[in-house]
Amino acid sequence: SMLMAKTVLFVGMSMTDPNIIRLLKKAR
């Protein structure tokens, strides 16, 4: 819900976490 409603700044992440990737794809 945060990814769908807000703009998020990811700091300190490699952006390879499969769970975050899955959520970002779901939002899209």
PDB file of all heavy atoms in Angstrom:
ATOM      1  N   SER A   1       0.825  -1.209   0.000  1.00  0.00           N
ATOM      2  CA  SER A   1       0.000   0.000   0.000  1.00  0.00           C
ATOM      3  C   SER A   1       0.862   1.263   0.000  1.00  0.00           C
ATOM      4  O   SER A   1       0.507   2.253  -0.636  1.00  0.00           O
ATOM      5  CB  SER A   1      -0.977  -0.001   1.183  1.00  0.00           C
ATOM      6  OG  SER A   1      -0.293   0.091   2.401  1.00  0.00           O
ATOM      7  N   MET A   2       2.004   1.232   0.686  1.00  0.00           N
ATOM      8  CA  MET A   2       2.913   2.383   0.667  1.00  0.00           C
ATOM      9  C   MET A   2       3.498   2.577  -0.728  1.00  0.00           C
ATOM     10  O   MET A   2       3.610   3.710  -1.204  1.00  0.00           O
ATOM     11  CB  MET A   2       4.031   2.210   1.688  1.00  0.00           C
ATOM     12  CG  MET A   2       3.576   2.264   3.125  1.00  0.00           C
ATOM     13  SD  MET A   2       2.812   3.834   3.569  1.00  0.00           S
ATOM     14  CE  MET A   2       4.237   4.883   3.608  1.00  0.00           C
ATOM     15  N   LEU A   3       3.893   1.504  -1.382  1.00  0.00           N
ATOM     16  CA  LEU A   3       4.449   1.600  -2.731  1.00  0.00           C
ATOM     17  C   LEU A   3       3.415   2.105  -3.728  1.00  0.00           C
ATOM     18  O   LEU A   3       3.763   2.733  -4.726  1.00  0.00           O
ATOM     19  CB  LEU A   3       4.996   0.251  -3.189  1.00  0.00           C
ATOM     20  CG  LEU A   3       6.252  -0.236  -2.474  1.00  0.00           C
ATOM     21  CD1 LEU A   3       6.553  -1.681  -2.850  1.00  0.00           C
ATOM     22  CD2 LEU A   3       7.437   0.659  -2.783  1.00  0.00           C
ATOM     23  N   MET A   4       2.148   1.843  -3.442  1.00  0.00           N
ATOM     24  CA  MET A   4       1.093   2.269  -4.348  1.00  0.00           C
ATOM     25  C   MET A   4       0.648   3.702  -4.089  1.00  0.00           C
ATOM     26  O   MET A   4       0.181   4.375  -5.006  1.00  0.00           O
ATOM     27  CB  MET A   4      -0.089   1.308  -4.251  1.00  0.00           C
ATOM     28  CG  MET A   4       0.259  -0.076  -4.763  1.00  0.00           C
ATOM     29  SD  MET A   4      -1.061  -1.271  -4.557  1.00  0.00           S
ATOM     30  CE  MET A   4      -2.154  -0.786  -5.876  1.00  0.00           C
ATOM     31  N   ALA A   5       0.811   4.188  -2.860  1.00  0.00           N
ATOM     32  CA  ALA A   5       0.282   5.501  -2.505  1.00  0.00           C
ATOM     33  C   ALA A   5       1.337   6.589  -2.361  1.00  0.00           C
ATOM     34  O   ALA A   5       1.020   7.775  -2.456  1.00  0.00           O
ATOM     35  CB  ALA A   5      -0.512   5.395  -1.198  1.00  0.00           C
ATOM     36  N   LYS A   6       2.570   6.217  -2.143  1.00  0.00           N
ATOM     37  CA  LYS A   6       3.622   7.189  -1.841  1.00  0.00           C
ATOM     38  C   LYS A   6       4.791   7.030  -2.810  1.00  0.00           C
ATOM     39  O   LYS A   6       4.907   6.034  -3.502  1.00  0.00           O
ATOM     40  CB  LYS A   6       4.159   6.986  -0.410  1.00  0.00           C
ATOM     41  CG  LYS A   6       3.120   7.040   0.680  1.00  0.00           C
ATOM     42  CD  LYS A   6       2.649   8.437   0.881  1.00  0.00           C
ATOM     43  CE  LYS A   6       1.645   8.476   2.039  1.00  0.00           C
ATOM     44  NZ  LYS A   6       1.104   9.776   2.246  1.00  0.00           N
ATOM     45  N   THR A   7       5.663   8.026  -2.799  1.00  0.00           N
ATOM     46  CA  THR A   7       6.943   7.923  -3.489  1.00  0.00           C
ATOM     47  C   THR A   7       7.968   7.499  -2.455  1.00  0.00           C
ATOM     48  O   THR A   7       8.075   8.117  -1.401  1.00  0.00           O
ATOM     49  CB  THR A   7       7.347   9.265  -4.114  1.00  0.00           C
ATOM     50  OG1 THR A   7       6.361   9.622  -5.083  1.00  0.00           O
ATOM     51  CG2 THR A   7       8.703   9.185  -4.781  1.00  0.00           C
ATOM     52  N   VAL A   8       8.726   6.454  -2.754  1.00  0.00           N
ATOM     53  CA  VAL A   8       9.659   5.879  -1.798  1.00  0.00           C
ATOM     54  C   VAL A   8      11.091   6.128  -2.267  1.00  0.00           C
ATOM     55  O   VAL A   8      11.397   6.007  -3.447  1.00  0.00           O
ATOM     56  CB  VAL A   8       9.415   4.353  -1.648  1.00  0.00           C
ATOM     57  CG1 VAL A   8      10.436   3.712  -0.732  1.00  0.00           C
ATOM     58  CG2 VAL A   8       7.999   4.100  -1.152  1.00  0.00           C
ATOM     59  N   LEU A   9      11.950   6.469  -1.310  1.00  0.00           N
ATOM     60  CA  LEU A   9      13.380   6.596  -1.566  1.00  0.00           C
ATOM     61  C   LEU A   9      14.063   5.421  -0.878  1.00  0.00           C
ATOM     62  O   LEU A   9      14.019   5.305   0.347  1.00  0.00           O
ATOM     63  CB  LEU A   9      13.921   7.919  -1.022  1.00  0.00           C
ATOM     64  CG  LEU A   9      15.446   8.100  -1.074  1.00  0.00           C
ATOM     65  CD1 LEU A   9      15.945   8.074  -2.515  1.00  0.00           C
ATOM     66  CD2 LEU A   9      15.836   9.401  -0.377  1.00  0.00           C
ATOM     67  N   PHE A  10      14.676   4.551  -1.662  1.00  0.00           N
ATOM     68  CA  PHE A  10      15.401   3.401  -1.129  1.00  0.00           C
ATOM     69  C   PHE A  10      16.857   3.818  -0.901  1.00  0.00           C
ATOM     70  O   PHE A  10      17.532   4.246  -1.833  1.00  0.00           O
ATOM     71  CB  PHE A  10      15.353   2.220  -2.100  1.00  0.00           C
ATOM     72  CG  PHE A  10      13.972   1.661  -2.308  1.00  0.00           C
ATOM     73  CD1 PHE A  10      13.193   2.064  -3.379  1.00  0.00           C
ATOM     74  CD2 PHE A  10      13.457   0.719  -1.435  1.00  0.00           C
ATOM     75  CE1 PHE A  10      11.925   1.536  -3.581  1.00  0.00           C
ATOM     76  CE2 PHE A  10      12.190   0.181  -1.618  1.00  0.00           C
ATOM     77  CZ  PHE A  10      11.421   0.604  -2.698  1.00  0.00           C
ATOM     78  N   VAL A  11      17.308   3.685   0.334  1.00  0.00           N
ATOM     79  CA  VAL A  11      18.682   4.043   0.690  1.00  0.00           C
ATOM     80  C   VAL A  11      19.313   2.826   1.358  1.00  0.00           C
ATOM     81  O   VAL A  11      18.730   2.236   2.268  1.00  0.00           O
ATOM     82  CB  VAL A  11      18.718   5.244   1.656  1.00  0.00           C
ATOM     83  CG1 VAL A  11      20.148   5.596   2.025  1.00  0.00           C
ATOM     84  CG2 VAL A  11      18.007   6.441   1.060  1.00  0.00           C
ATOM     85  N   GLY A  12      20.502   2.461   0.907  1.00  0.00           N
ATOM     86  CA  GLY A  12      21.218   1.351   1.526  1.00  0.00           C
ATOM     87  C   GLY A  12      20.736  -0.015   1.102  1.00  0.00           C
ATOM     88  O   GLY A  12      20.981  -1.005   1.790  1.00  0.00           O
ATOM     89  N   MET A  13      20.059  -0.076  -0.027  1.00  0.00           N
ATOM     90  CA  MET A  13      19.562  -1.364  -0.526  1.00  0.00           C
ATOM     91  C   MET A  13      20.198  -1.658  -1.871  1.00  0.00           C
ATOM     92  O   MET A  13      20.422  -0.755  -2.674  1.00  0.00           O
ATOM     93  CB  MET A  13      18.043  -1.331  -0.678  1.00  0.00           C
ATOM     94  CG  MET A  13      17.301  -1.175   0.632  1.00  0.00           C
ATOM     95  SD  MET A  13      15.520  -1.264   0.412  1.00  0.00           S
ATOM     96  CE  MET A  13      15.311  -2.951  -0.118  1.00  0.00           C
ATOM     97  N   SER A  14      20.461  -2.918  -2.120  1.00  0.00           N
ATOM     98  CA  SER A  14      21.020  -3.309  -3.417  1.00  0.00           C
ATOM     99  C   SER A  14      19.936  -3.408  -4.489  1.00  0.00           C
ATOM    100  O   SER A  14      20.234  -3.553  -5.662  1.00  0.00           O
ATOM    101  CB  SER A  14      21.737  -4.646  -3.289  1.00  0.00           C
ATOM    102  OG  SER A  14      20.799  -5.663  -2.972  1.00  0.00           O
ATOM    103  N   MET A  15      18.687  -3.366  -4.055  1.00  0.00           N
ATOM    104  CA  MET A  15      17.527  -3.513  -4.936  1.00  0.00           C
ATOM    105  C   MET A  15      17.506  -4.875  -5.626  1.00  0.00           C
ATOM    106  O   MET A  15      17.068  -5.008  -6.757  1.00  0.00           O
ATOM    107  CB  MET A  15      17.460  -2.379  -5.964  1.00  0.00           C
ATOM    108  CG  MET A  15      17.294  -0.999  -5.345  1.00  0.00           C
ATOM    109  SD  MET A  15      15.881  -0.838  -4.235  1.00  0.00           S
ATOM    110  CE  MET A  15      14.511  -1.008  -5.362  1.00  0.00           C
ATOM    111  N   THR A  16      17.977  -5.883  -4.899  1.00  0.00           N
ATOM    112  CA  THR A  16      17.920  -7.249  -5.417  1.00  0.00           C
ATOM    113  C   THR A  16      17.049  -8.151  -4.545  1.00  0.00           C
ATOM    114  O   THR A  16      16.912  -9.338  -4.846  1.00  0.00           O
ATOM    115  CB  THR A  16      19.335  -7.862  -5.520  1.00  0.00           C
ATOM    116  OG1 THR A  16      19.956  -7.829  -4.240  1.00  0.00           O
ATOM    117  CG2 THR A  16      20.185  -7.105  -6.534  1.00  0.00           C
ATOM    118  N   ASP A  17      16.470  -7.610  -3.484  1.00  0.00           N
ATOM    119  CA  ASP A  17      15.609  -8.400  -2.606  1.00  0.00           C
ATOM    120  C   ASP A  17      14.379  -8.849  -3.403  1.00  0.00           C
ATOM    121  O   ASP A  17      13.611  -8.017  -3.883  1.00  0.00           O
ATOM    122  CB  ASP A  17      15.182  -7.555  -1.404  1.00  0.00           C
ATOM    123  CG  ASP A  17      14.295  -8.309  -0.434  1.00  0.00           C
ATOM    124  OD1 ASP A  17      13.451  -9.126  -0.868  1.00  0.00           O
ATOM    125  OD2 ASP A  17      14.430  -8.075   0.775  1.00  0.00           O
ATOM    126  N   PRO A  18      14.184 -10.151  -3.553  1.00  0.00           N
ATOM    127  CA  PRO A  18      13.067 -10.632  -4.373  1.00  0.00           C
ATOM    128  C   PRO A  18      11.700 -10.196  -3.849  1.00  0.00           C
ATOM    129  O   PRO A  18      10.766 -10.023  -4.636  1.00  0.00           O
ATOM    130  CB  PRO A  18      13.218 -12.146  -4.354  1.00  0.00           C
ATOM    131  CG  PRO A  18      14.202 -12.473  -3.290  1.00  0.00           C
ATOM    132  CD  PRO A  18      14.984 -11.244  -3.003  1.00  0.00           C
ATOM    133  N   ASN A  19      11.564 -10.006  -2.549  1.00  0.00           N
ATOM    134  CA  ASN A  19      10.275  -9.582  -2.002  1.00  0.00           C
ATOM    135  C   ASN A  19       9.947  -8.144  -2.393  1.00  0.00           C
ATOM    136  O   ASN A  19       8.809  -7.844  -2.768  1.00  0.00           O
ATOM    137  CB  ASN A  19      10.271  -9.726  -0.478  1.00  0.00           C
ATOM    138  CG  ASN A  19      10.343 -11.175  -0.064  1.00  0.00           C
ATOM    139  OD1 ASN A  19       9.653 -12.019  -0.612  1.00  0.00           O
ATOM    140  ND2 ASN A  19      11.205 -11.478   0.885  1.00  0.00           N
ATOM    141  N   ILE A  20      10.917  -7.251  -2.324  1.00  0.00           N
ATOM    142  CA  ILE A  20      10.696  -5.860  -2.727  1.00  0.00           C
ATOM    143  C   ILE A  20      10.429  -5.791  -4.230  1.00  0.00           C
ATOM    144  O   ILE A  20       9.524  -5.079  -4.675  1.00  0.00           O
ATOM    145  CB  ILE A  20      11.908  -4.976  -2.347  1.00  0.00           C
ATOM    146  CG1 ILE A  20      12.025  -4.854  -0.832  1.00  0.00           C
ATOM    147  CG2 ILE A  20      11.807  -3.605  -3.005  1.00  0.00           C
ATOM    148  CD1 ILE A  20      10.886  -4.115  -0.161  1.00  0.00           C
ATOM    149  N   ILE A  21      11.193  -6.545  -4.995  1.00  0.00           N
ATOM    150  CA  ILE A  21      11.001  -6.572  -6.456  1.00  0.00           C
ATOM    151  C   ILE A  21       9.590  -7.047  -6.788  1.00  0.00           C
ATOM    152  O   ILE A  21       8.907  -6.463  -7.622  1.00  0.00           O
ATOM    153  CB  ILE A  21      12.053  -7.477  -7.140  1.00  0.00           C
ATOM    154  CG1 ILE A  21      13.467  -6.991  -6.844  1.00  0.00           C
ATOM    155  CG2 ILE A  21      11.790  -7.583  -8.640  1.00  0.00           C
ATOM    156  CD1 ILE A  21      13.783  -5.588  -7.253  1.00  0.00           C
ATOM    157  N   ARG A  22       9.145  -8.093  -6.097  1.00  0.00           N
ATOM    158  CA  ARG A  22       7.789  -8.626  -6.330  1.00  0.00           C
ATOM    159  C   ARG A  22       6.737  -7.576  -6.017  1.00  0.00           C
ATOM    160  O   ARG A  22       5.786  -7.369  -6.781  1.00  0.00           O
ATOM    161  CB  ARG A  22       7.567  -9.875  -5.465  1.00  0.00           C
ATOM    162  CG  ARG A  22       6.206 -10.523  -5.630  1.00  0.00           C
ATOM    163  CD  ARG A  22       6.068 -11.763  -4.741  1.00  0.00           C
ATOM    164  NE  ARG A  22       6.450 -11.548  -3.359  1.00  0.00           N
ATOM    165  CZ  ARG A  22       5.671 -10.966  -2.432  1.00  0.00           C
ATOM    166  NH1 ARG A  22       4.471 -10.536  -2.757  1.00  0.00           N
ATOM    167  NH2 ARG A  22       6.083 -10.823  -1.193  1.00  0.00           N
ATOM    168  N   LEU A  23       6.896  -6.851  -4.903  1.00  0.00           N
ATOM    169  CA  LEU A  23       5.937  -5.813  -4.529  1.00  0.00           C
ATOM    170  C   LEU A  23       5.932  -4.660  -5.529  1.00  0.00           C
ATOM    171  O   LEU A  23       4.867  -4.131  -5.880  1.00  0.00           O
ATOM    172  CB  LEU A  23       6.240  -5.298  -3.119  1.00  0.00           C
ATOM    173  CG  LEU A  23       5.993  -6.285  -1.987  1.00  0.00           C
ATOM    174  CD1 LEU A  23       6.507  -5.716  -0.669  1.00  0.00           C
ATOM    175  CD2 LEU A  23       4.516  -6.635  -1.886  1.00  0.00           C
ATOM    176  N   LEU A  24       7.109  -4.259  -5.979  1.00  0.00           N
ATOM    177  CA  LEU A  24       7.183  -3.196  -6.984  1.00  0.00           C
ATOM    178  C   LEU A  24       6.498  -3.614  -8.279  1.00  0.00           C
ATOM    179  O   LEU A  24       5.775  -2.818  -8.903  1.00  0.00           O
ATOM    180  CB  LEU A  24       8.638  -2.816  -7.240  1.00  0.00           C
ATOM    181  CG  LEU A  24       9.317  -2.018  -6.127  1.00  0.00           C
ATOM    182  CD1 LEU A  24      10.834  -2.061  -6.280  1.00  0.00           C
ATOM    183  CD2 LEU A  24       8.809  -0.583  -6.116  1.00  0.00           C
ATOM    184  N   LYS A  25       6.685  -4.857  -8.681  1.00  0.00           N
ATOM    185  CA  LYS A  25       6.033  -5.369  -9.891  1.00  0.00           C
ATOM    186  C   LYS A  25       4.515  -5.414  -9.709  1.00  0.00           C
ATOM    187  O   LYS A  25       3.757  -5.063 -10.616  1.00  0.00           O
ATOM    188  CB  LYS A  25       6.563  -6.754 -10.251  1.00  0.00           C
ATOM    189  CG  LYS A  25       7.953  -6.728 -10.840  1.00  0.00           C
ATOM    190  CD  LYS A  25       8.442  -8.129 -11.165  1.00  0.00           C
ATOM    191  CE  LYS A  25       9.824  -8.094 -11.779  1.00  0.00           C
ATOM    192  NZ  LYS A  25      10.329  -9.445 -12.088  1.00  0.00           N
ATOM    193  N   LYS A  26       4.063  -5.854  -8.525  1.00  0.00           N
ATOM    194  CA  LYS A  26       2.620  -5.895  -8.241  1.00  0.00           C
ATOM    195  C   LYS A  26       2.004  -4.509  -8.333  1.00  0.00           C
ATOM    196  O   LYS A  26       0.915  -4.331  -8.881  1.00  0.00           O
ATOM    197  CB  LYS A  26       2.358  -6.475  -6.842  1.00  0.00           C
ATOM    198  CG  LYS A  26       2.539  -7.949  -6.747  1.00  0.00           C
ATOM    199  CD  LYS A  26       1.289  -8.638  -7.170  1.00  0.00           C
ATOM    200  CE  LYS A  26       1.437 -10.116  -6.860  1.00  0.00           C
ATOM    201  NZ  LYS A  26       0.635 -10.910  -7.753  1.00  0.00           N
ATOM    202  N   ALA A  27       2.691  -3.511  -7.785  1.00  0.00           N
ATOM    203  CA  ALA A  27       2.188  -2.136  -7.838  1.00  0.00           C
ATOM    204  C   ALA A  27       2.065  -1.676  -9.288  1.00  0.00           C
ATOM    205  O   ALA A  27       1.070  -1.049  -9.671  1.00  0.00           O
ATOM    206  CB  ALA A  27       3.105  -1.206  -7.046  1.00  0.00           C
ATOM    207  N   ARG A  28       3.053  -2.002 -10.116  1.00  0.00           N
ATOM    208  CA  ARG A  28       3.006  -1.634 -11.534  1.00  0.00           C
ATOM    209  C   ARG A  28       1.862  -2.348 -12.240  1.00  0.00           C
ATOM    210  O   ARG A  28       1.145  -1.750 -13.046  1.00  0.00           O
ATOM    211  CB  ARG A  28       4.327  -1.980 -12.224  1.00  0.00           C
ATOM    212  CG  ARG A  28       5.394  -0.937 -12.079  1.00  0.00           C
ATOM    213  CD  ARG A  28       4.920   0.326 -12.727  1.00  0.00           C
ATOM    214  NE  ARG A  28       5.994   1.240 -12.973  1.00  0.00           N
ATOM    215  CZ  ARG A  28       5.921   2.536 -12.739  1.00  0.00           C
ATOM    216  NH1 ARG A  28       4.846   3.064 -12.243  1.00  0.00           N
ATOM    217  NH2 ARG A  28       6.918   3.325 -13.013  1.00  0.00           N
TER     218      ARG A  28
END
